[in-house]
Amino acid sequence: MISGDICDGCMNGCSLTAPGCQRGMAKARGEEFAQEPSFRDAQRLYLERQERIAELRKIRDCFEQAIAKHGAIYLKVFDDKEMRCKAVTFHMLNGDRLYFGIGVTDAFYGLLRRNPNVKFVDHPDEGRESFCYSGKAVFHDGIEGKRLSKEALAEPGYDELKETYTMEGEKRFVVFHLEQDDFKK
């Protein structure tokens, strides 16, 4: 029997009403109540995701313009006290993330694992960049990493990747995205 002292009058819009509300029923069973997101919350999250995707499309477009103009974009990372730079072309927008990739045999892979704070620019010389996309490189390992590597190697226009890298083994192609990212143009 559920008593009125279980319901705390939360007014969460439960389908049941006090004293047998969903929160009260969970409380009586000794469970945590996990409220479903409201329509307004779901709508807000959807709109935030759409804004993020639109922002990433603009960044991708800047990358593609730079690659068309300069032949590459440039990945920069600090190696102790020195800035290291590598020309890259691969980038892939998938959902609400912009992915990049590198081979595990590349010296930059070890450098990125040691210092994941990176930036992508359109010109290798400091001060001549027209944009900077920076953040913390987060690598995708395991099943998700294999799936993303497979998608990356299947991307049109990157035939040299398919010839050079594999999804597993010594010549594995690994995929990463940037968290805590910032784009300046």
N, C-alpha and C. Protein backbone atom coordinates (compact mmCIF):
# COMPACT_ATOMS: atom_id res chain seq x y z
N MET A 1 0.85 -1.17 0.00
CA MET A 1 0.00 0.00 0.00
C MET A 1 0.89 1.24 0.00
N ILE A 2 0.61 2.18 -0.89
CA ILE A 2 1.36 3.42 -1.01
C ILE A 2 0.65 4.48 -0.18
N SER A 3 1.40 5.14 0.69
CA SER A 3 0.80 6.17 1.52
C SER A 3 1.20 7.55 1.01
N GLY A 4 0.51 8.55 1.49
CA GLY A 4 0.76 9.92 1.08
C GLY A 4 2.14 10.42 1.45
N ASP A 5 2.80 9.78 2.42
CA ASP A 5 4.12 10.28 2.80
C ASP A 5 5.20 9.93 1.78
N ILE A 6 4.89 9.02 0.83
CA ILE A 6 5.85 8.68 -0.21
C ILE A 6 5.90 9.77 -1.27
N CYS A 7 4.76 10.34 -1.60
CA CYS A 7 4.72 11.40 -2.60
C CYS A 7 5.24 12.69 -1.99
N ASP A 8 6.19 13.29 -2.67
CA ASP A 8 6.72 14.56 -2.16
C ASP A 8 6.13 15.75 -2.90
N GLY A 9 5.07 15.51 -3.67
CA GLY A 9 4.39 16.60 -4.35
C GLY A 9 5.26 17.29 -5.39
N CYS A 10 6.06 16.51 -6.08
CA CYS A 10 7.04 17.09 -6.99
C CYS A 10 6.41 17.77 -8.20
N MET A 11 5.23 17.38 -8.57
CA MET A 11 4.53 17.97 -9.71
C MET A 11 5.35 17.83 -11.00
N ASN A 12 5.95 16.66 -11.19
CA ASN A 12 6.77 16.41 -12.38
C ASN A 12 5.94 16.02 -13.59
N GLY A 13 4.68 16.13 -13.50
CA GLY A 13 3.84 15.77 -14.64
C GLY A 13 3.71 14.28 -14.81
N CYS A 14 3.72 13.55 -13.70
CA CYS A 14 3.59 12.10 -13.77
C CYS A 14 2.24 11.74 -14.36
N SER A 15 2.20 10.57 -14.97
CA SER A 15 0.92 10.11 -15.51
C SER A 15 -0.02 9.71 -14.37
N LEU A 16 0.57 9.38 -13.24
CA LEU A 16 -0.22 9.06 -12.05
C LEU A 16 -0.25 10.29 -11.15
N THR A 17 -1.17 10.35 -10.25
CA THR A 17 -1.23 11.48 -9.33
C THR A 17 -0.95 11.01 -7.92
N ALA A 18 -0.60 11.93 -7.05
CA ALA A 18 -0.31 11.61 -5.66
C ALA A 18 -1.50 10.88 -5.07
N PRO A 19 -1.34 9.91 -4.18
CA PRO A 19 -0.11 9.46 -3.58
C PRO A 19 0.61 8.40 -4.41
N GLY A 20 0.14 8.03 -5.59
CA GLY A 20 0.80 6.97 -6.36
C GLY A 20 1.56 7.47 -7.55
N CYS A 21 2.25 8.58 -7.41
CA CYS A 21 2.99 9.13 -8.56
C CYS A 21 4.19 8.24 -8.90
N GLN A 22 4.74 8.44 -10.08
CA GLN A 22 5.87 7.62 -10.53
C GLN A 22 7.07 7.77 -9.61
N ARG A 23 7.35 8.98 -9.16
CA ARG A 23 8.47 9.20 -8.26
C ARG A 23 8.20 8.48 -6.94
N GLY A 24 6.97 8.58 -6.42
CA GLY A 24 6.61 7.92 -5.18
C GLY A 24 6.69 6.41 -5.28
N MET A 25 6.26 5.87 -6.44
CA MET A 25 6.33 4.41 -6.64
C MET A 25 7.79 3.96 -6.66
N ALA A 26 8.65 4.71 -7.32
CA ALA A 26 10.07 4.36 -7.35
C ALA A 26 10.67 4.45 -5.96
N LYS A 27 10.29 5.49 -5.22
CA LYS A 27 10.78 5.68 -3.86
C LYS A 27 10.35 4.51 -2.97
N ALA A 28 9.11 4.05 -3.14
CA ALA A 28 8.60 2.93 -2.35
C ALA A 28 9.36 1.64 -2.66
N ARG A 29 9.81 1.50 -3.91
CA ARG A 29 10.57 0.30 -4.29
C ARG A 29 12.05 0.44 -3.93
N GLY A 30 12.45 1.60 -3.41
CA GLY A 30 13.85 1.83 -3.05
C GLY A 30 14.72 2.13 -4.26
N GLU A 31 14.14 2.63 -5.34
CA GLU A 31 14.87 2.92 -6.57
C GLU A 31 15.00 4.42 -6.77
N GLU A 32 15.96 4.79 -7.59
CA GLU A 32 16.10 6.19 -8.01
C GLU A 32 15.06 6.44 -9.10
N PHE A 33 14.50 7.61 -9.09
CA PHE A 33 13.53 7.97 -10.11
C PHE A 33 14.25 8.66 -11.25
N ALA A 34 14.18 8.07 -12.43
CA ALA A 34 14.79 8.66 -13.63
C ALA A 34 13.67 9.25 -14.47
N GLN A 35 13.53 10.54 -14.36
CA GLN A 35 12.46 11.21 -15.09
C GLN A 35 12.79 11.27 -16.57
N GLU A 36 11.81 10.96 -17.38
CA GLU A 36 11.96 11.11 -18.82
C GLU A 36 12.10 12.59 -19.13
N PRO A 37 12.93 12.94 -20.12
CA PRO A 37 13.03 14.36 -20.45
C PRO A 37 11.70 14.88 -20.97
N SER A 38 11.40 16.08 -20.60
CA SER A 38 10.16 16.68 -21.07
C SER A 38 10.29 17.00 -22.55
N PHE A 39 9.18 17.27 -23.17
CA PHE A 39 9.18 17.64 -24.58
C PHE A 39 10.04 18.88 -24.79
N ARG A 40 9.92 19.83 -23.89
CA ARG A 40 10.70 21.07 -24.00
C ARG A 40 12.19 20.78 -23.91
N ASP A 41 12.59 19.89 -22.98
CA ASP A 41 14.01 19.52 -22.86
C ASP A 41 14.49 18.81 -24.11
N ALA A 42 13.69 17.89 -24.61
CA ALA A 42 14.05 17.15 -25.83
C ALA A 42 14.18 18.10 -27.01
N GLN A 43 13.27 19.04 -27.11
CA GLN A 43 13.31 20.02 -28.19
C GLN A 43 14.56 20.89 -28.08
N ARG A 44 14.89 21.33 -26.86
CA ARG A 44 16.08 22.15 -26.64
C ARG A 44 17.34 21.38 -27.03
N LEU A 45 17.43 20.11 -26.62
CA LEU A 45 18.59 19.29 -26.96
C LEU A 45 18.71 19.10 -28.47
N TYR A 46 17.57 18.89 -29.13
CA TYR A 46 17.56 18.73 -30.58
C TYR A 46 18.08 20.00 -31.26
N LEU A 47 17.59 21.15 -30.83
CA LEU A 47 18.00 22.42 -31.44
C LEU A 47 19.49 22.70 -31.18
N GLU A 48 19.97 22.39 -29.98
CA GLU A 48 21.39 22.55 -29.68
C GLU A 48 22.24 21.67 -30.59
N ARG A 49 21.78 20.43 -30.81
CA ARG A 49 22.52 19.51 -31.68
C ARG A 49 22.53 20.02 -33.11
N GLN A 50 21.40 20.55 -33.58
CA GLN A 50 21.33 21.08 -34.94
C GLN A 50 22.25 22.29 -35.11
N GLU A 51 22.32 23.14 -34.09
CA GLU A 51 23.24 24.29 -34.12
C GLU A 51 24.68 23.82 -34.18
N ARG A 52 25.00 22.79 -33.41
CA ARG A 52 26.36 22.23 -33.40
C ARG A 52 26.72 21.67 -34.77
N ILE A 53 25.79 20.95 -35.39
CA ILE A 53 26.04 20.39 -36.71
C ILE A 53 26.26 21.50 -37.73
N ALA A 54 25.46 22.56 -37.67
CA ALA A 54 25.62 23.70 -38.59
C ALA A 54 27.00 24.35 -38.39
N GLU A 55 27.43 24.49 -37.13
CA GLU A 55 28.75 25.06 -36.83
C GLU A 55 29.86 24.17 -37.40
N LEU A 56 29.73 22.85 -37.24
CA LEU A 56 30.74 21.93 -37.75
C LEU A 56 30.77 21.92 -39.27
N ARG A 57 29.62 22.12 -39.91
CA ARG A 57 29.60 22.21 -41.38
C ARG A 57 30.39 23.42 -41.85
N LYS A 58 30.27 24.54 -41.14
CA LYS A 58 31.05 25.74 -41.50
C LYS A 58 32.54 25.48 -41.35
N ILE A 59 32.92 24.79 -40.28
CA ILE A 59 34.33 24.45 -40.06
C ILE A 59 34.81 23.53 -41.17
N ARG A 60 34.00 22.52 -41.50
CA ARG A 60 34.36 21.59 -42.58
C ARG A 60 34.53 22.34 -43.89
N ASP A 61 33.64 23.29 -44.17
CA ASP A 61 33.74 24.07 -45.41
C ASP A 61 35.03 24.88 -45.44
N CYS A 62 35.43 25.45 -44.31
CA CYS A 62 36.72 26.17 -44.23
C CYS A 62 37.88 25.22 -44.51
N PHE A 63 37.81 24.01 -43.96
CA PHE A 63 38.85 23.01 -44.21
C PHE A 63 38.93 22.69 -45.70
N GLU A 64 37.78 22.47 -46.32
CA GLU A 64 37.77 22.09 -47.73
C GLU A 64 38.29 23.22 -48.62
N GLN A 65 37.98 24.46 -48.27
CA GLN A 65 38.52 25.60 -49.02
C GLN A 65 40.04 25.68 -48.87
N ALA A 66 40.52 25.46 -47.65
CA ALA A 66 41.97 25.50 -47.41
C ALA A 66 42.68 24.37 -48.14
N ILE A 67 42.08 23.19 -48.16
CA ILE A 67 42.69 22.05 -48.87
C ILE A 67 42.72 22.33 -50.37
N ALA A 68 41.65 22.92 -50.90
CA ALA A 68 41.62 23.27 -52.32
C ALA A 68 42.68 24.33 -52.65
N LYS A 69 42.90 25.26 -51.74
CA LYS A 69 43.85 26.36 -51.97
C LYS A 69 45.30 25.94 -51.71
N HIS A 70 45.55 25.26 -50.56
CA HIS A 70 46.91 24.96 -50.13
C HIS A 70 47.29 23.48 -50.28
N GLY A 71 46.32 22.62 -50.58
CA GLY A 71 46.60 21.20 -50.70
C GLY A 71 46.47 20.43 -49.41
N ALA A 72 46.29 21.12 -48.28
CA ALA A 72 46.18 20.45 -46.98
C ALA A 72 45.73 21.45 -45.93
N ILE A 73 45.37 20.91 -44.78
CA ILE A 73 45.26 21.70 -43.56
C ILE A 73 46.40 21.21 -42.68
N TYR A 74 46.72 21.94 -41.65
CA TYR A 74 47.90 21.61 -40.87
C TYR A 74 47.54 21.34 -39.41
N LEU A 75 47.98 20.19 -38.96
CA LEU A 75 47.79 19.77 -37.58
C LEU A 75 49.02 20.21 -36.80
N LYS A 76 48.81 20.98 -35.75
CA LYS A 76 49.93 21.47 -34.94
C LYS A 76 49.78 20.98 -33.50
N VAL A 77 50.92 20.57 -32.93
CA VAL A 77 50.94 20.10 -31.54
C VAL A 77 52.33 20.37 -30.97
N PHE A 78 52.39 20.66 -29.67
CA PHE A 78 53.67 20.89 -29.01
C PHE A 78 54.35 19.57 -28.70
N ASP A 79 55.64 19.50 -29.02
CA ASP A 79 56.49 18.38 -28.65
C ASP A 79 57.54 18.95 -27.70
N ASP A 80 57.34 18.78 -26.42
CA ASP A 80 58.14 19.43 -25.38
C ASP A 80 58.01 20.94 -25.54
N LYS A 81 59.04 21.61 -26.04
CA LYS A 81 58.98 23.07 -26.17
C LYS A 81 58.84 23.52 -27.61
N GLU A 82 58.75 22.59 -28.53
CA GLU A 82 58.72 22.92 -29.95
C GLU A 82 57.36 22.58 -30.56
N MET A 83 56.87 23.47 -31.41
CA MET A 83 55.62 23.23 -32.13
C MET A 83 55.92 22.35 -33.34
N ARG A 84 55.22 21.24 -33.45
CA ARG A 84 55.36 20.34 -34.60
C ARG A 84 54.14 20.52 -35.49
N CYS A 85 54.35 20.35 -36.79
CA CYS A 85 53.30 20.60 -37.77
C CYS A 85 53.25 19.45 -38.77
N LYS A 86 52.05 19.03 -39.13
CA LYS A 86 51.87 17.94 -40.10
C LYS A 86 50.74 18.31 -41.05
N ALA A 87 51.00 18.17 -42.34
CA ALA A 87 49.96 18.41 -43.34
C ALA A 87 49.00 17.22 -43.35
N VAL A 88 47.71 17.49 -43.29
CA VAL A 88 46.68 16.44 -43.34
C VAL A 88 45.56 16.88 -44.28
N THR A 89 44.88 15.89 -44.82
CA THR A 89 43.72 16.20 -45.66
C THR A 89 42.45 15.54 -45.14
N PHE A 90 42.59 14.43 -44.42
CA PHE A 90 41.40 13.68 -44.02
C PHE A 90 40.62 14.40 -42.92
N HIS A 91 39.33 14.55 -43.17
CA HIS A 91 38.37 15.01 -42.17
C HIS A 91 37.02 14.45 -42.59
N MET A 92 36.17 14.16 -41.61
CA MET A 92 34.88 13.51 -41.89
C MET A 92 33.85 14.02 -40.89
N LEU A 93 32.79 14.61 -41.41
CA LEU A 93 31.68 15.03 -40.56
C LEU A 93 30.70 13.87 -40.49
N ASN A 94 30.46 13.38 -39.28
CA ASN A 94 29.57 12.25 -39.08
C ASN A 94 28.73 12.56 -37.85
N GLY A 95 27.44 12.81 -38.08
CA GLY A 95 26.57 13.18 -36.97
C GLY A 95 26.96 14.55 -36.46
N ASP A 96 27.17 14.65 -35.17
CA ASP A 96 27.53 15.95 -34.59
C ASP A 96 29.00 15.99 -34.16
N ARG A 97 29.84 15.29 -34.92
CA ARG A 97 31.28 15.32 -34.66
C ARG A 97 32.06 15.43 -35.97
N LEU A 98 33.15 16.15 -35.90
CA LEU A 98 34.07 16.27 -37.02
C LEU A 98 35.28 15.40 -36.67
N TYR A 99 35.50 14.36 -37.48
CA TYR A 99 36.55 13.39 -37.19
C TYR A 99 37.78 13.63 -38.05
N PHE A 100 38.91 13.23 -37.50
CA PHE A 100 40.20 13.27 -38.18
C PHE A 100 40.83 11.91 -37.99
N GLY A 101 41.86 11.61 -38.76
CA GLY A 101 42.50 10.31 -38.62
C GLY A 101 43.99 10.38 -38.84
N ILE A 102 44.67 9.36 -38.33
CA ILE A 102 46.12 9.27 -38.44
C ILE A 102 46.51 7.80 -38.31
N GLY A 103 47.60 7.42 -38.94
CA GLY A 103 48.08 6.05 -38.83
C GLY A 103 48.85 5.85 -37.54
N VAL A 104 48.73 4.67 -36.95
CA VAL A 104 49.42 4.40 -35.68
C VAL A 104 50.94 4.36 -35.87
N THR A 105 51.41 4.14 -37.10
CA THR A 105 52.85 4.12 -37.34
C THR A 105 53.43 5.53 -37.49
N ASP A 106 52.57 6.52 -37.64
CA ASP A 106 53.01 7.90 -37.79
C ASP A 106 53.55 8.42 -36.45
N ALA A 107 54.67 9.13 -36.49
CA ALA A 107 55.26 9.68 -35.26
C ALA A 107 54.29 10.64 -34.57
N PHE A 108 53.44 11.29 -35.34
CA PHE A 108 52.47 12.22 -34.76
C PHE A 108 51.45 11.50 -33.89
N TYR A 109 51.18 10.23 -34.17
CA TYR A 109 50.22 9.48 -33.36
C TYR A 109 50.69 9.41 -31.91
N GLY A 110 51.94 9.03 -31.70
CA GLY A 110 52.49 8.98 -30.34
C GLY A 110 52.51 10.34 -29.68
N LEU A 111 52.82 11.35 -30.48
CA LEU A 111 52.84 12.72 -29.98
C LEU A 111 51.45 13.16 -29.52
N LEU A 112 50.43 12.83 -30.31
CA LEU A 112 49.05 13.17 -29.96
C LEU A 112 48.58 12.43 -28.71
N ARG A 113 49.03 11.20 -28.55
CA ARG A 113 48.66 10.44 -27.35
C ARG A 113 49.30 11.06 -26.10
N ARG A 114 50.51 11.57 -26.24
CA ARG A 114 51.20 12.19 -25.10
C ARG A 114 50.65 13.59 -24.80
N ASN A 115 50.37 14.34 -25.86
CA ASN A 115 49.87 15.71 -25.70
C ASN A 115 48.67 15.89 -26.63
N PRO A 116 47.47 15.67 -26.14
CA PRO A 116 46.29 15.71 -27.01
C PRO A 116 45.80 17.12 -27.35
N ASN A 117 46.44 18.16 -26.82
CA ASN A 117 46.01 19.53 -27.12
C ASN A 117 46.57 19.95 -28.48
N VAL A 118 45.68 20.09 -29.45
CA VAL A 118 46.09 20.32 -30.83
C VAL A 118 45.34 21.50 -31.44
N LYS A 119 45.81 21.88 -32.62
CA LYS A 119 45.06 22.85 -33.41
C LYS A 119 45.25 22.53 -34.88
N PHE A 120 44.21 22.83 -35.65
CA PHE A 120 44.24 22.71 -37.10
C PHE A 120 44.20 24.12 -37.66
N VAL A 121 45.10 24.39 -38.60
CA VAL A 121 45.17 25.71 -39.22
C VAL A 121 45.30 25.53 -40.74
N ASP A 122 45.12 26.63 -41.47
CA ASP A 122 45.20 26.54 -42.93
C ASP A 122 46.57 26.89 -43.48
N HIS A 123 47.50 27.31 -42.63
CA HIS A 123 48.85 27.67 -43.10
C HIS A 123 49.86 27.22 -42.05
N PRO A 124 50.98 26.62 -42.49
CA PRO A 124 51.94 26.10 -41.50
C PRO A 124 52.71 27.16 -40.73
N ASP A 125 52.81 28.36 -41.29
CA ASP A 125 53.58 29.42 -40.62
C ASP A 125 52.75 30.15 -39.58
N GLU A 126 53.32 30.29 -38.39
CA GLU A 126 52.65 30.99 -37.29
C GLU A 126 52.34 32.42 -37.71
N GLY A 127 51.12 32.87 -37.45
CA GLY A 127 50.72 34.23 -37.76
C GLY A 127 50.13 34.42 -39.15
N ARG A 128 50.22 33.39 -40.00
CA ARG A 128 49.68 33.51 -41.36
C ARG A 128 48.38 32.73 -41.52
N GLU A 129 47.87 32.18 -40.43
CA GLU A 129 46.65 31.38 -40.50
C GLU A 129 45.43 32.30 -40.63
N SER A 130 44.44 31.84 -41.41
CA SER A 130 43.18 32.59 -41.47
C SER A 130 42.12 31.95 -40.59
N PHE A 131 42.38 30.72 -40.11
CA PHE A 131 41.50 30.10 -39.12
C PHE A 131 42.30 29.18 -38.22
N CYS A 132 41.72 28.88 -37.07
CA CYS A 132 42.34 27.97 -36.11
C CYS A 132 41.22 27.19 -35.42
N TYR A 133 41.28 25.87 -35.53
CA TYR A 133 40.34 24.99 -34.86
C TYR A 133 41.14 24.21 -33.83
N SER A 134 40.92 24.47 -32.56
CA SER A 134 41.74 23.85 -31.52
C SER A 134 40.88 23.08 -30.52
N GLY A 135 41.53 22.16 -29.81
CA GLY A 135 40.84 21.39 -28.80
C GLY A 135 41.70 20.22 -28.34
N LYS A 136 41.05 19.31 -27.63
CA LYS A 136 41.72 18.13 -27.09
C LYS A 136 41.35 16.92 -27.93
N ALA A 137 42.36 16.26 -28.49
CA ALA A 137 42.13 15.08 -29.34
C ALA A 137 41.65 13.91 -28.48
N VAL A 138 40.51 13.34 -28.85
CA VAL A 138 39.96 12.18 -28.17
C VAL A 138 39.90 11.04 -29.18
N PHE A 139 40.70 10.00 -28.95
CA PHE A 139 40.76 8.88 -29.87
C PHE A 139 39.63 7.90 -29.61
N HIS A 140 39.20 7.24 -30.67
CA HIS A 140 38.14 6.24 -30.57
C HIS A 140 38.77 4.87 -30.72
N ASP A 141 38.67 4.08 -29.68
CA ASP A 141 39.24 2.74 -29.66
C ASP A 141 38.11 1.71 -29.61
N GLY A 142 38.47 0.46 -29.63
CA GLY A 142 37.50 -0.62 -29.49
C GLY A 142 36.58 -0.73 -30.69
N ILE A 143 35.37 -1.19 -30.44
CA ILE A 143 34.40 -1.43 -31.51
C ILE A 143 34.04 -0.14 -32.23
N GLU A 144 33.82 0.93 -31.46
CA GLU A 144 33.48 2.22 -32.08
C GLU A 144 34.63 2.71 -32.95
N GLY A 145 35.85 2.54 -32.49
CA GLY A 145 37.03 2.94 -33.27
C GLY A 145 37.14 2.18 -34.58
N LYS A 146 36.88 0.87 -34.53
CA LYS A 146 36.92 0.06 -35.76
C LYS A 146 35.83 0.50 -36.73
N ARG A 147 34.64 0.78 -36.20
CA ARG A 147 33.54 1.22 -37.06
C ARG A 147 33.88 2.55 -37.72
N LEU A 148 34.40 3.48 -36.95
CA LEU A 148 34.77 4.79 -37.50
C LEU A 148 35.93 4.68 -38.49
N SER A 149 36.90 3.82 -38.20
CA SER A 149 38.02 3.62 -39.13
C SER A 149 37.51 3.05 -40.45
N LYS A 150 36.57 2.12 -40.37
CA LYS A 150 35.99 1.54 -41.58
C LYS A 150 35.27 2.62 -42.39
N GLU A 151 34.49 3.46 -41.72
CA GLU A 151 33.79 4.55 -42.41
C GLU A 151 34.79 5.53 -43.00
N ALA A 152 35.85 5.82 -42.27
CA ALA A 152 36.87 6.76 -42.75
C ALA A 152 37.55 6.23 -44.00
N LEU A 153 37.93 4.96 -43.98
CA LEU A 153 38.61 4.38 -45.13
C LEU A 153 37.68 4.22 -46.32
N ALA A 154 36.36 4.26 -46.09
CA ALA A 154 35.39 4.16 -47.17
C ALA A 154 34.98 5.53 -47.73
N GLU A 155 35.44 6.61 -47.08
CA GLU A 155 35.09 7.96 -47.53
C GLU A 155 35.60 8.18 -48.95
N PRO A 156 34.77 8.76 -49.82
CA PRO A 156 35.24 9.04 -51.18
C PRO A 156 36.31 10.13 -51.18
N GLY A 157 37.25 10.01 -52.11
CA GLY A 157 38.29 11.02 -52.25
C GLY A 157 39.55 10.75 -51.45
N TYR A 158 39.57 9.68 -50.70
CA TYR A 158 40.75 9.37 -49.88
C TYR A 158 41.31 8.00 -50.26
N ASP A 159 41.52 7.79 -51.56
CA ASP A 159 42.01 6.50 -52.04
C ASP A 159 43.38 6.14 -51.47
N GLU A 160 44.23 7.16 -51.25
CA GLU A 160 45.57 6.89 -50.71
C GLU A 160 45.50 6.30 -49.30
N LEU A 161 44.45 6.65 -48.55
CA LEU A 161 44.28 6.07 -47.22
C LEU A 161 44.01 4.58 -47.31
N LYS A 162 43.15 4.20 -48.26
CA LYS A 162 42.81 2.79 -48.44
C LYS A 162 44.02 1.96 -48.83
N GLU A 163 44.92 2.57 -49.62
CA GLU A 163 46.12 1.86 -50.07
C GLU A 163 47.17 1.77 -48.97
N THR A 164 47.19 2.72 -48.06
CA THR A 164 48.23 2.80 -47.03
C THR A 164 47.84 2.14 -45.72
N TYR A 165 46.58 2.31 -45.30
CA TYR A 165 46.17 1.90 -43.96
C TYR A 165 45.14 0.78 -43.97
N THR A 166 45.00 0.14 -42.80
CA THR A 166 44.00 -0.90 -42.59
C THR A 166 43.19 -0.55 -41.34
N MET A 167 42.19 -1.38 -41.05
CA MET A 167 41.37 -1.15 -39.86
C MET A 167 42.01 -1.75 -38.60
N GLU A 168 42.90 -2.71 -38.80
CA GLU A 168 43.54 -3.37 -37.67
C GLU A 168 45.02 -3.60 -37.98
N GLY A 169 45.77 -3.96 -36.97
CA GLY A 169 47.18 -4.31 -37.18
C GLY A 169 48.12 -3.13 -37.12
N GLU A 170 49.34 -3.36 -37.64
CA GLU A 170 50.39 -2.36 -37.56
C GLU A 170 50.11 -1.11 -38.38
N LYS A 171 49.39 -1.24 -39.47
CA LYS A 171 49.10 -0.08 -40.33
C LYS A 171 47.68 0.43 -40.10
N ARG A 172 47.25 0.35 -38.86
CA ARG A 172 45.89 0.74 -38.48
C ARG A 172 45.71 2.25 -38.59
N PHE A 173 44.55 2.63 -39.08
CA PHE A 173 44.15 4.03 -39.18
C PHE A 173 43.23 4.32 -38.01
N VAL A 174 43.59 5.27 -37.17
CA VAL A 174 42.78 5.59 -35.99
C VAL A 174 42.11 6.94 -36.17
N VAL A 175 40.94 7.05 -35.60
CA VAL A 175 40.10 8.23 -35.77
C VAL A 175 39.96 8.95 -34.43
N PHE A 176 39.96 10.28 -34.50
CA PHE A 176 39.76 11.09 -33.30
C PHE A 176 38.93 12.31 -33.63
N HIS A 177 38.37 12.91 -32.60
CA HIS A 177 37.67 14.19 -32.73
C HIS A 177 38.20 15.12 -31.64
N LEU A 178 37.80 16.38 -31.71
CA LEU A 178 38.25 17.35 -30.71
C LEU A 178 37.14 17.63 -29.71
N GLU A 179 37.48 17.59 -28.45
CA GLU A 179 36.58 18.00 -27.37
C GLU A 179 37.08 19.34 -26.86
N GLN A 180 36.21 20.05 -26.15
CA GLN A 180 36.56 21.39 -25.65
C GLN A 180 37.11 22.22 -26.80
N ASP A 181 36.45 22.11 -27.95
CA ASP A 181 36.95 22.72 -29.17
C ASP A 181 36.57 24.19 -29.30
N ASP A 182 37.35 24.88 -30.11
CA ASP A 182 37.14 26.31 -30.33
C ASP A 182 37.56 26.61 -31.77
N PHE A 183 36.73 27.38 -32.46
CA PHE A 183 37.04 27.76 -33.85
C PHE A 183 37.13 29.26 -33.93
N LYS A 184 38.25 29.73 -34.46
CA LYS A 184 38.44 31.17 -34.66
C LYS A 184 38.80 31.41 -36.11
N LYS A 185 38.15 32.39 -36.69
CA LYS A 185 38.42 32.72 -38.08
C LYS A 185 38.78 34.18 -38.18
